[in-house]
Amino acid sequence: QVQVVESGGGLVQAGGSLRLTCTASGLPSPFYRYNMGWFRQAPGKEREGISCIEWNDLSTVYSDSVKGRFTISRDNAKNTLYLQMNSLKSEDTGMYYCAAGGPCTIQALASRRNTVFDYWGQGTQVTVSS
């Protein structure tokens, strides 16, 4: 049984930082073989792909909305994905989702298809107060 679990969300003031963590277990293949991504959805808005990291060369992709402020990383020994979020803004508020097993491209991040990545977590809430 595949489990993707996010943690680390919370309430933070604008300009502050948070680090999100995602752990994955039960994947059909070893964690290190999966491209991993972070997505978010604000109330009343469509889901937005914000970052992904390749499994093989650890290359990364970021949406323009978070580039320069957020950093994605992974620890394959711990089956864990991270998202370091700095200089947070009120518009960063939303539910943040971790996903495994999709293409790490700007096109994939922009996709609205739920199947763009194979496995999804339940999300962790991030609220940025201004």
C-alpha atoms as a PDB file:
ATOM      1  CA  GLN A   1       0.000   0.000   0.000  1.00  0.00           C
ATOM      2  CA  VAL A   2       1.473   3.285  -1.136  1.00  0.00           C
ATOM      3  CA  GLN A   3       1.546   6.061   1.412  1.00  0.00           C
ATOM      4  CA  VAL A   4       2.638   9.608   0.698  1.00  0.00           C
ATOM      5  CA  VAL A   5       2.518  11.808   3.761  1.00  0.00           C
ATOM      6  CA  GLU A   6       3.239  15.516   4.010  1.00  0.00           C
ATOM      7  CA  SER A   7       4.076  17.404   7.191  1.00  0.00           C
ATOM      8  CA  GLY A   8       5.518  20.707   8.334  1.00  0.00           C
ATOM      9  CA  GLY A   9       2.722  23.057   7.387  1.00  0.00           C
ATOM     10  CA  GLY A  10       1.437  25.708   9.738  1.00  0.00           C
ATOM     11  CA  LEU A  11       0.799  29.375  10.323  1.00  0.00           C
ATOM     12  CA  VAL A  12       3.632  31.791   9.628  1.00  0.00           C
ATOM     13  CA  GLN A  13       3.958  35.533   9.195  1.00  0.00           C
ATOM     14  CA  ALA A  14       4.774  37.030   5.845  1.00  0.00           C
ATOM     15  CA  GLY A  15       8.510  37.034   5.308  1.00  0.00           C
ATOM     16  CA  GLY A  16       8.957  33.928   7.398  1.00  0.00           C
ATOM     17  CA  SER A  17      10.041  30.418   6.504  1.00  0.00           C
ATOM     18  CA  LEU A  18       8.715  26.875   6.680  1.00  0.00           C
ATOM     19  CA  ARG A  19      10.113  23.522   5.646  1.00  0.00           C
ATOM     20  CA  LEU A  20       7.727  20.905   4.360  1.00  0.00           C
ATOM     21  CA  THR A  21       8.561  17.220   4.512  1.00  0.00           C
ATOM     22  CA  CYS A  22       7.128  14.362   2.500  1.00  0.00           C
ATOM     23  CA  THR A  23       7.751  10.699   3.167  1.00  0.00           C
ATOM     24  CA  ALA A  24       6.781   7.952   0.756  1.00  0.00           C
ATOM     25  CA  SER A  25       6.448   4.257   1.483  1.00  0.00           C
ATOM     26  CA  GLY A  26       5.136   1.206  -0.279  1.00  0.00           C
ATOM     27  CA  LEU A  27       6.081   2.458  -3.726  1.00  0.00           C
ATOM     28  CA  PRO A  28       6.384  -0.278  -6.356  1.00  0.00           C
ATOM     29  CA  SER A  29      10.001   0.728  -7.027  1.00  0.00           C
ATOM     30  CA  PRO A  30      12.626   2.245  -4.716  1.00  0.00           C
ATOM     31  CA  PHE A  31      11.977   5.863  -3.776  1.00  0.00           C
ATOM     32  CA  TYR A  32      15.131   7.050  -5.508  1.00  0.00           C
ATOM     33  CA  ARG A  33      13.712   5.956  -8.869  1.00  0.00           C
ATOM     34  CA  TYR A  34      10.830   8.424  -8.710  1.00  0.00           C
ATOM     35  CA  ASN A  35      10.639  11.994  -9.828  1.00  0.00           C
ATOM     36  CA  MET A  36       9.008  13.913  -7.009  1.00  0.00           C
ATOM     37  CA  GLY A  37       6.950  17.087  -7.040  1.00  0.00           C
ATOM     38  CA  TRP A  38       5.234  19.664  -4.887  1.00  0.00           C
ATOM     39  CA  PHE A  39       1.880  21.134  -5.801  1.00  0.00           C
ATOM     40  CA  ARG A  40      -0.413  23.532  -3.985  1.00  0.00           C
ATOM     41  CA  GLN A  41      -4.005  24.685  -4.108  1.00  0.00           C
ATOM     42  CA  ALA A  42      -5.392  27.869  -2.655  1.00  0.00           C
ATOM     43  CA  PRO A  43      -9.079  28.153  -1.749  1.00  0.00           C
ATOM     44  CA  GLY A  44     -11.144  28.801  -4.838  1.00  0.00           C
ATOM     45  CA  LYS A  45      -8.173  28.365  -7.167  1.00  0.00           C
ATOM     46  CA  GLU A  46      -6.873  25.616  -9.390  1.00  0.00           C
ATOM     47  CA  ARG A  47      -4.038  23.401  -8.333  1.00  0.00           C
ATOM     48  CA  GLU A  48      -0.595  24.825  -9.121  1.00  0.00           C
ATOM     49  CA  GLY A  49       2.560  22.809  -9.632  1.00  0.00           C
ATOM     50  CA  ILE A  50       5.411  24.629  -7.946  1.00  0.00           C
ATOM     51  CA  SER A  51       8.468  22.392  -8.055  1.00  0.00           C
ATOM     52  CA  CYS A  52       9.817  18.983  -8.953  1.00  0.00           C
ATOM     53  CA  ILE A  53      13.089  17.091  -8.729  1.00  0.00           C
ATOM     54  CA  GLU A  54      14.414  14.415 -11.039  1.00  0.00           C
ATOM     55  CA  TRP A  55      15.349  10.995  -9.719  1.00  0.00           C
ATOM     56  CA  ASN A  56      18.493  10.488 -11.796  1.00  0.00           C
ATOM     57  CA  ASP A  57      20.429  13.737 -11.930  1.00  0.00           C
ATOM     58  CA  LEU A  58      18.550  15.620  -9.182  1.00  0.00           C
ATOM     59  CA  SER A  59      17.789  18.466 -11.567  1.00  0.00           C
ATOM     60  CA  THR A  60      15.003  20.740 -10.418  1.00  0.00           C
ATOM     61  CA  VAL A  61      12.203  22.797 -11.936  1.00  0.00           C
ATOM     62  CA  TYR A  62      10.364  25.678 -10.288  1.00  0.00           C
ATOM     63  CA  SER A  63       7.329  27.697 -11.191  1.00  0.00           C
ATOM     64  CA  ASP A  64       7.900  31.412 -11.622  1.00  0.00           C
ATOM     65  CA  SER A  65       5.764  32.087  -8.558  1.00  0.00           C
ATOM     66  CA  VAL A  66       8.272  30.413  -6.192  1.00  0.00           C
ATOM     67  CA  LYS A  67      11.569  30.591  -8.052  1.00  0.00           C
ATOM     68  CA  GLY A  68      14.285  32.093  -5.903  1.00  0.00           C
ATOM     69  CA  ARG A  69      12.310  31.624  -2.683  1.00  0.00           C
ATOM     70  CA  PHE A  70      11.626  27.891  -2.465  1.00  0.00           C
ATOM     71  CA  THR A  71      14.116  25.031  -2.644  1.00  0.00           C
ATOM     72  CA  ILE A  72      13.226  21.406  -3.306  1.00  0.00           C
ATOM     73  CA  SER A  73      15.531  18.624  -2.167  1.00  0.00           C
ATOM     74  CA  ARG A  74      15.435  14.926  -1.375  1.00  0.00           C
ATOM     75  CA  ASP A  75      17.127  12.405   0.882  1.00  0.00           C
ATOM     76  CA  ASN A  76      16.818   9.049  -0.838  1.00  0.00           C
ATOM     77  CA  ALA A  77      18.238   7.191   2.153  1.00  0.00           C
ATOM     78  CA  LYS A  78      15.255   8.411   4.179  1.00  0.00           C
ATOM     79  CA  ASN A  79      12.642   8.183   1.366  1.00  0.00           C
ATOM     80  CA  THR A  80      11.992  11.840   2.045  1.00  0.00           C
ATOM     81  CA  LEU A  81      11.325  14.945  -0.021  1.00  0.00           C
ATOM     82  CA  TYR A  82      11.663  18.481   1.295  1.00  0.00           C
ATOM     83  CA  LEU A  83      10.478  21.934   0.339  1.00  0.00           C
ATOM     84  CA  GLN A  84      12.253  24.829   2.027  1.00  0.00           C
ATOM     85  CA  MET A  85      10.069  27.900   1.744  1.00  0.00           C
ATOM     86  CA  ASN A  86      11.589  31.305   2.464  1.00  0.00           C
ATOM     87  CA  SER A  87      10.299  34.857   2.126  1.00  0.00           C
ATOM     88  CA  LEU A  88       6.746  33.603   2.355  1.00  0.00           C
ATOM     89  CA  LYS A  89       3.938  35.764   1.047  1.00  0.00           C
ATOM     90  CA  SER A  90       0.208  35.751   1.749  1.00  0.00           C
ATOM     91  CA  GLU A  91      -0.350  34.373  -1.751  1.00  0.00           C
ATOM     92  CA  ASP A  92       1.601  31.258  -0.771  1.00  0.00           C
ATOM     93  CA  THR A  93      -1.300  30.242   1.472  1.00  0.00           C
ATOM     94  CA  GLY A  94      -2.866  26.951   0.493  1.00  0.00           C
ATOM     95  CA  MET A  95      -2.825  23.186   0.808  1.00  0.00           C
ATOM     96  CA  TYR A  96       0.502  21.744  -0.245  1.00  0.00           C
ATOM     97  CA  TYR A  97       0.666  18.306  -1.819  1.00  0.00           C
ATOM     98  CA  CYS A  98       3.560  15.971  -2.462  1.00  0.00           C
ATOM     99  CA  ALA A  99       3.456  13.683  -5.472  1.00  0.00           C
ATOM    100  CA  ALA A 100       5.550  10.839  -6.818  1.00  0.00           C
ATOM    101  CA  GLY A 101       6.068   9.349 -10.229  1.00  0.00           C
ATOM    102  CA  GLY A 102       5.596  11.920 -12.920  1.00  0.00           C
ATOM    103  CA  PRO A 103       7.649  13.869 -15.429  1.00  0.00           C
ATOM    104  CA  CYS A 104       9.695  16.656 -13.924  1.00  0.00           C
ATOM    105  CA  THR A 105       8.986  19.333 -16.492  1.00  0.00           C
ATOM    106  CA  ILE A 106       7.439  22.776 -16.461  1.00  0.00           C
ATOM    107  CA  GLN A 107       4.637  21.328 -18.608  1.00  0.00           C
ATOM    108  CA  ALA A 108       3.882  18.688 -15.976  1.00  0.00           C
ATOM    109  CA  LEU A 109       3.792  21.295 -13.241  1.00  0.00           C
ATOM    110  CA  ALA A 110       1.315  23.314 -15.315  1.00  0.00           C
ATOM    111  CA  SER A 111      -0.921  20.298 -15.985  1.00  0.00           C
ATOM    112  CA  ARG A 112      -4.353  20.127 -14.384  1.00  0.00           C
ATOM    113  CA  ARG A 113      -4.610  16.358 -14.803  1.00  0.00           C
ATOM    114  CA  ASN A 114      -4.763  14.413 -11.530  1.00  0.00           C
ATOM    115  CA  THR A 115      -2.850  11.659 -13.275  1.00  0.00           C
ATOM    116  CA  VAL A 116       0.142  13.830 -14.133  1.00  0.00           C
ATOM    117  CA  PHE A 117       1.830  12.193 -11.150  1.00  0.00           C
ATOM    118  CA  ASP A 118       1.022   8.648 -10.026  1.00  0.00           C
ATOM    119  CA  TYR A 119       0.864   8.975  -6.253  1.00  0.00           C
ATOM    120  CA  TRP A 120      -0.368  11.858  -4.124  1.00  0.00           C
ATOM    121  CA  GLY A 121      -0.446  12.736  -0.459  1.00  0.00           C
ATOM    122  CA  GLN A 122      -3.341  14.207   1.467  1.00  0.00           C
ATOM    123  CA  GLY A 123      -1.716  17.592   1.857  1.00  0.00           C
ATOM    124  CA  THR A 124      -0.491  19.898   4.588  1.00  0.00           C
ATOM    125  CA  GLN A 125      -1.919  23.370   5.141  1.00  0.00           C
ATOM    126  CA  VAL A 126       0.277  26.446   4.910  1.00  0.00           C
ATOM    127  CA  THR A 127      -1.157  29.761   6.026  1.00  0.00           C
ATOM    128  CA  VAL A 128       0.808  32.978   5.660  1.00  0.00           C
ATOM    129  CA  SER A 129      -0.510  35.967   7.559  1.00  0.00           C
ATOM    130  CA  SER A 130       0.191  39.450   6.277  1.00  0.00           C
END
